[in-house]
Protein backbone atom coordinates (compact mmCIF):
# COMPACT_ATOMS: atom_id res chain seq x y z
CA MET A 1 19.02 92.22 48.40
CA ASN A 2 21.01 95.31 49.37
CA ARG A 3 21.16 96.40 45.75
CA ALA A 4 17.39 95.96 45.41
CA ILE A 5 16.80 98.01 48.56
CA TYR A 6 19.10 100.72 47.25
CA LEU A 7 17.36 100.83 43.90
CA GLY A 8 13.95 100.87 45.57
CA ALA A 9 14.96 103.77 47.79
CA ALA A 10 16.36 105.65 44.83
CA GLY A 11 13.14 105.10 42.92
CA THR A 12 11.08 106.36 45.83
CA VAL A 13 13.17 109.51 46.05
CA ALA A 14 12.74 110.05 42.32
CA ALA A 15 8.99 109.54 42.62
CA VAL A 16 8.70 111.98 45.51
CA ALA A 17 10.67 114.54 43.53
CA MET A 18 8.36 114.10 40.55
CA LEU A 19 5.34 114.35 42.84
CA ALA A 20 6.59 117.67 44.17
CA VAL A 21 6.90 118.93 40.63
CA GLY A 22 3.35 117.75 40.01
CA PHE A 23 1.96 119.88 42.81
CA GLY A 24 3.57 122.88 41.18
CA ALA A 25 2.46 122.12 37.65
CA GLY A 26 -0.85 120.32 38.00
CA ARG A 27 -2.39 116.85 38.13
CA PRO A 28 -0.73 115.45 34.95
CA GLN A 29 2.56 115.37 36.85
CA ILE A 30 0.97 113.40 39.69
CA ALA A 31 0.01 110.75 37.17
CA SER A 32 3.59 110.73 35.90
CA ALA A 33 4.90 110.26 39.44
CA ASN A 34 2.58 107.29 39.96
CA ALA A 35 3.76 105.81 36.68
CA ALA A 36 7.38 106.22 37.74
CA GLN A 37 6.72 104.41 41.02
CA GLN A 38 5.03 101.59 39.15
CA GLN A 39 8.02 101.26 36.81
CA VAL A 40 10.43 101.09 39.73
CA ALA A 41 8.30 98.44 41.46
CA THR A 42 8.14 96.41 38.26
CA ALA A 43 11.92 96.71 37.82
CA ASP A 44 12.46 95.43 41.39
CA VAL A 45 10.25 92.41 40.72
CA ASN A 46 12.05 91.67 37.46
CA ARG A 47 15.42 92.01 39.15
CA SER A 48 14.42 89.59 41.91
CA GLN A 49 13.26 87.08 39.32
CA ILE A 50 16.50 87.41 37.37
CA GLU A 51 18.59 87.01 40.52
CA LEU A 52 16.64 83.86 41.43
CA ILE A 53 17.17 82.41 37.95
CA ILE A 54 20.92 83.13 38.15
CA ARG A 55 21.15 81.57 41.61
CA ASP A 56 19.35 78.42 40.49
CA TYR A 57 21.56 78.14 37.43
CA LEU A 58 24.76 78.43 39.46
CA VAL A 59 23.54 75.92 42.05
CA ASN A 60 22.73 73.43 39.30
CA ASN A 61 25.91 74.19 37.32
CA PRO A 62 28.63 74.87 39.91
CA GLU A 63 31.36 74.14 37.35
CA VAL A 64 30.59 77.58 35.92
CA LEU A 65 32.16 79.08 39.04
CA LEU A 66 35.33 77.08 38.39
CA ASP A 67 35.38 78.32 34.82
CA MET A 68 35.00 81.88 36.07
CA GLN A 69 37.83 81.39 38.58
CA GLN A 70 40.11 79.95 35.93
CA ALA A 71 39.29 82.79 33.56
CA LEU A 72 40.03 85.32 36.30
CA GLU A 73 43.34 83.66 37.15
CA ALA A 74 44.32 83.58 33.48
CA LYS A 75 43.46 87.25 33.11
CA GLN A 76 45.45 88.18 36.22
CA ALA A 77 48.42 86.07 35.06
CA GLU A 78 48.43 87.84 31.70
CA GLU A 79 48.23 91.25 33.37
CA GLN A 80 51.13 90.27 35.60
CA ARG A 81 53.16 89.02 32.62
CA VAL A 82 52.65 92.29 30.76
CA ALA A 83 53.62 94.27 33.87
CA HIS A 84 56.78 92.18 34.26
CA LEU A 85 57.71 92.77 30.63
CA GLU A 86 57.57 96.51 31.16
CA VAL A 87 59.68 96.40 34.33
CA ILE A 88 62.28 94.08 32.78
CA LYS A 89 62.51 96.33 29.74
CA ASP A 90 62.98 99.47 31.83
CA ALA A 91 65.37 97.95 34.40
CA LYS A 92 67.29 95.50 32.23
CA GLN A 93 70.74 96.74 33.27
CA GLN A 94 69.86 96.73 36.95
CA ILE A 95 68.41 93.22 36.76
CA PHE A 96 71.05 91.45 34.70
CA ASN A 97 74.22 93.52 35.11
CA ALA A 98 74.17 95.35 38.44
CA SER A 99 77.74 95.98 39.61
CA TYR A 100 77.00 94.76 43.15
CA ASP A 101 75.70 91.29 42.18
CA GLY A 102 77.78 88.13 42.25
CA TYR A 103 77.54 85.28 39.80
CA VAL A 104 78.07 81.55 39.35
CA GLY A 105 78.94 79.90 36.05
CA ASN A 106 80.38 81.59 32.99
CA PRO A 107 80.79 85.36 33.61
CA ASP A 108 80.57 85.89 29.84
CA GLY A 109 77.72 83.45 29.27
CA LYS A 110 75.24 84.50 26.62
CA THR A 111 72.27 83.29 28.67
CA THR A 112 71.67 84.82 32.10
CA ILE A 113 69.33 83.68 34.84
CA VAL A 114 68.92 85.95 37.87
CA GLU A 115 68.12 84.52 41.29
CA PHE A 116 66.71 86.53 44.19
CA TYR A 117 67.74 84.55 47.26
CA ASP A 118 68.14 84.58 51.03
CA TYR A 119 70.92 82.61 52.72
CA ASN A 120 68.44 81.26 55.28
CA CYS A 121 65.80 80.22 52.78
CA GLY A 122 65.40 76.44 52.90
CA TYR A 123 64.04 76.36 49.36
CA CYS A 124 67.07 78.35 48.17
CA LYS A 125 69.36 75.79 49.79
CA ARG A 126 67.61 72.97 47.95
CA ALA A 127 67.55 74.97 44.70
CA GLN A 128 71.33 75.37 45.00
CA GLU A 129 71.77 71.86 43.63
CA ASP A 130 69.70 72.80 40.58
CA MET A 131 71.86 75.87 39.95
CA LEU A 132 75.10 73.91 40.22
CA ALA A 133 73.80 71.16 37.94
CA LEU A 134 72.63 73.66 35.33
CA THR A 135 75.88 75.65 35.28
CA GLU A 136 78.02 72.51 35.17
CA ALA A 137 76.02 71.10 32.25
CA ASP A 138 75.83 74.39 30.36
CA PRO A 139 79.11 76.27 29.81
CA ASP A 140 77.25 79.22 28.29
CA LEU A 141 75.07 79.88 31.34
CA ARG A 142 75.56 82.79 33.74
CA PHE A 143 73.74 82.69 37.08
CA VAL A 144 73.45 86.16 38.66
CA LEU A 145 73.12 86.13 42.45
CA LYS A 146 70.90 88.93 43.73
CA GLU A 147 71.05 89.37 47.51
CA PHE A 148 67.50 89.60 48.83
CA PRO A 149 67.67 89.09 52.62
CA ILE A 150 64.08 89.01 53.86
CA LEU A 151 64.22 86.41 56.64
CA GLY A 152 65.48 88.50 59.51
CA PRO A 153 68.64 90.14 60.88
CA ASP A 154 70.83 87.03 60.47
CA SER A 155 70.06 86.95 56.76
CA GLN A 156 70.82 90.65 56.39
CA LYS A 157 74.15 90.35 58.20
CA ALA A 158 75.14 87.26 56.21
CA SER A 159 74.37 89.14 52.98
CA ILE A 160 76.44 92.12 54.14
CA VAL A 161 79.43 89.80 54.56
CA SER A 162 78.68 88.26 51.17
CA MET A 163 78.67 91.62 49.41
CA ALA A 164 81.88 92.65 51.16
CA VAL A 165 83.54 89.42 49.99
CA ARG A 166 82.40 90.08 46.44
CA THR A 167 84.03 93.51 46.52
CA LEU A 168 87.30 92.34 48.06
CA MET A 169 87.72 89.00 46.28
CA PRO A 170 85.23 88.72 43.40
CA GLU A 171 87.00 85.63 42.08
CA LYS A 172 86.18 83.84 45.34
CA HIS A 173 82.61 85.02 45.76
CA GLY A 174 80.99 82.15 43.86
CA GLU A 175 82.79 79.63 46.05
CA PHE A 176 81.88 81.63 49.15
CA HIS A 177 78.23 81.66 48.11
CA ASN A 178 78.13 77.92 47.50
CA LEU A 179 79.74 77.16 50.85
CA LEU A 180 77.51 79.48 52.87
CA ILE A 181 74.18 78.56 51.32
CA GLY A 182 75.11 74.89 51.39
CA ALA A 183 76.23 74.89 55.02
CA PRO A 184 74.04 73.22 57.65
CA GLY A 185 72.38 75.39 60.25
CA ARG A 186 71.41 79.02 60.13
CA ALA A 187 73.51 81.50 58.16
CA SER A 188 74.73 84.40 60.28
CA GLU A 189 77.40 87.06 60.30
CA ALA A 190 79.76 84.81 62.26
CA ALA A 191 79.22 81.84 59.95
CA ALA A 192 79.73 84.00 56.87
CA ILE A 193 82.92 85.60 58.23
CA LYS A 194 84.31 82.17 59.13
CA ILE A 195 83.90 80.95 55.54
CA ALA A 196 85.34 84.19 54.16
CA LEU A 197 88.48 83.83 56.30
CA GLN A 198 88.86 80.21 55.20
CA LEU A 199 88.96 81.46 51.62
CA GLY A 200 91.74 83.90 52.43
CA VAL A 201 89.88 87.20 52.89
CA ASP A 202 91.68 89.65 55.17
CA GLU A 203 89.54 90.05 58.29
CA ALA A 204 90.36 93.71 58.95
CA LYS A 205 89.58 94.68 55.35
CA LEU A 206 86.45 92.57 55.43
CA ARG A 207 85.06 94.22 58.55
CA GLU A 208 85.85 97.65 57.16
CA GLU A 209 84.14 96.89 53.85
CA MET A 210 81.08 95.64 55.72
CA LYS A 211 80.53 99.25 56.82
CA ASN A 212 80.40 100.51 53.24
CA PRO A 213 77.12 102.43 52.74
CA ALA A 214 77.05 101.20 49.15
CA ILE A 215 75.92 97.80 50.52
CA THR A 216 72.82 99.31 52.09
CA GLU A 217 72.13 101.23 48.89
CA ALA A 218 72.38 98.00 46.89
CA PHE A 219 69.89 96.30 49.21
CA SER A 220 67.51 99.22 48.80
CA GLU A 221 67.71 98.98 45.00
CA THR A 222 67.10 95.25 45.09
CA TYR A 223 64.09 95.58 47.41
CA ASP A 224 62.65 98.25 45.12
CA LEU A 225 63.22 96.08 42.06
CA ALA A 226 61.63 93.07 43.75
CA ASN A 227 58.60 95.18 44.62
CA LYS A 228 58.20 96.26 40.99
CA LEU A 229 58.48 92.63 39.87
CA GLN A 230 55.99 91.55 42.56
CA ILE A 231 58.61 89.29 44.14
CA THR A 232 57.83 88.61 47.79
CA GLY A 233 59.58 85.30 48.42
CA THR A 234 62.71 83.33 47.65
CA PRO A 235 63.92 81.85 45.47
CA SER A 236 62.54 83.86 42.57
CA TYR A 237 64.12 84.09 39.15
CA VAL A 238 64.22 86.32 36.10
CA VAL A 239 64.83 84.34 32.92
CA GLY A 240 64.65 86.29 29.70
CA ASN A 241 61.39 88.25 29.85
CA GLU A 242 59.79 86.03 32.49
CA VAL A 243 59.67 86.09 36.29
CA VAL A 244 59.60 82.62 37.84
CA PHE A 245 58.49 82.17 41.44
CA GLY A 246 59.66 79.35 43.71
CA ALA A 247 62.01 76.40 43.61
CA LEU A 248 60.44 74.63 40.65
CA GLY A 249 63.31 72.25 39.94
CA LYS A 250 66.08 71.83 37.41
CA GLU A 251 63.81 70.60 34.63
CA VAL A 252 61.47 73.60 34.80
CA LEU A 253 64.36 76.06 34.97
CA GLY A 254 65.95 74.29 32.03
CA GLU A 255 62.73 74.76 30.04
CA LYS A 256 62.65 78.46 30.93
CA ILE A 257 66.27 78.86 29.85
CA ALA A 258 65.54 77.13 26.54
CA ALA A 259 62.54 79.39 25.98
CA ALA A 260 64.65 82.48 26.71
CA ARG A 261 67.27 81.34 24.20
CA ALA A 262 64.63 80.73 21.55
CA CYS A 263 63.26 84.18 22.22
CA MET A 264 66.71 85.71 21.80
CA ALA A 265 67.30 83.75 18.60
CA ASP A 266 64.05 85.10 17.15
CA ALA A 267 64.98 88.61 18.27
CA THR A 268 61.65 88.88 20.08
CA CYS A 269 63.19 89.56 23.49
């Protein structure tokens, strides 16, 4: 209706303009102005009829709307996939081999899966079992741990301790990670420090390393990378050339890993 009103108003303006020209050039132009108004009126009637036909068709065939929605979602998913490919290509080193990330599994594994996680994410805690099962069953799998604290100050402070532990005792970081994310209750700075001390980290060195500005810089890089990859929640994964959102289970991750390996074997990644 609004579009019809707009078109009608536009047609009236055009007709008035033509009428003004007619007064300056003679009666033939007045006839032209009347013809223009008639054309606009006819177009409005035709448009109303077409809109009514479309409405009736959609009411009688509502499944068309579902088809349209599915087509839109497929188009958006493909656009997102292409965008992810470009980001992964441009930031490959930062995604898979950043110096500030920890890892679980084989450090020299030929297949890498990257997890964006938060120590207070309940889904991450449940997905931890999937990660452990996958790395235990696959000796050639490397799980990169990308600190992505988005669930408040406790998460940020726990991740600061985690990154300090990785710097001071990288050989213990995987164990630290498993203990902290698998612990009951909310992860915090105190809880993280307690686990670190149990693993033999020197407390004075730990607290000093927690002040390292490189930790904040690493967080900033990870947040920026997540934004480019359209990652807004945890857990999220990068497997090969694909971004996977959510805790989808061991079987789905296993399928993604197999697809990434096939891609590498075909040299298409």
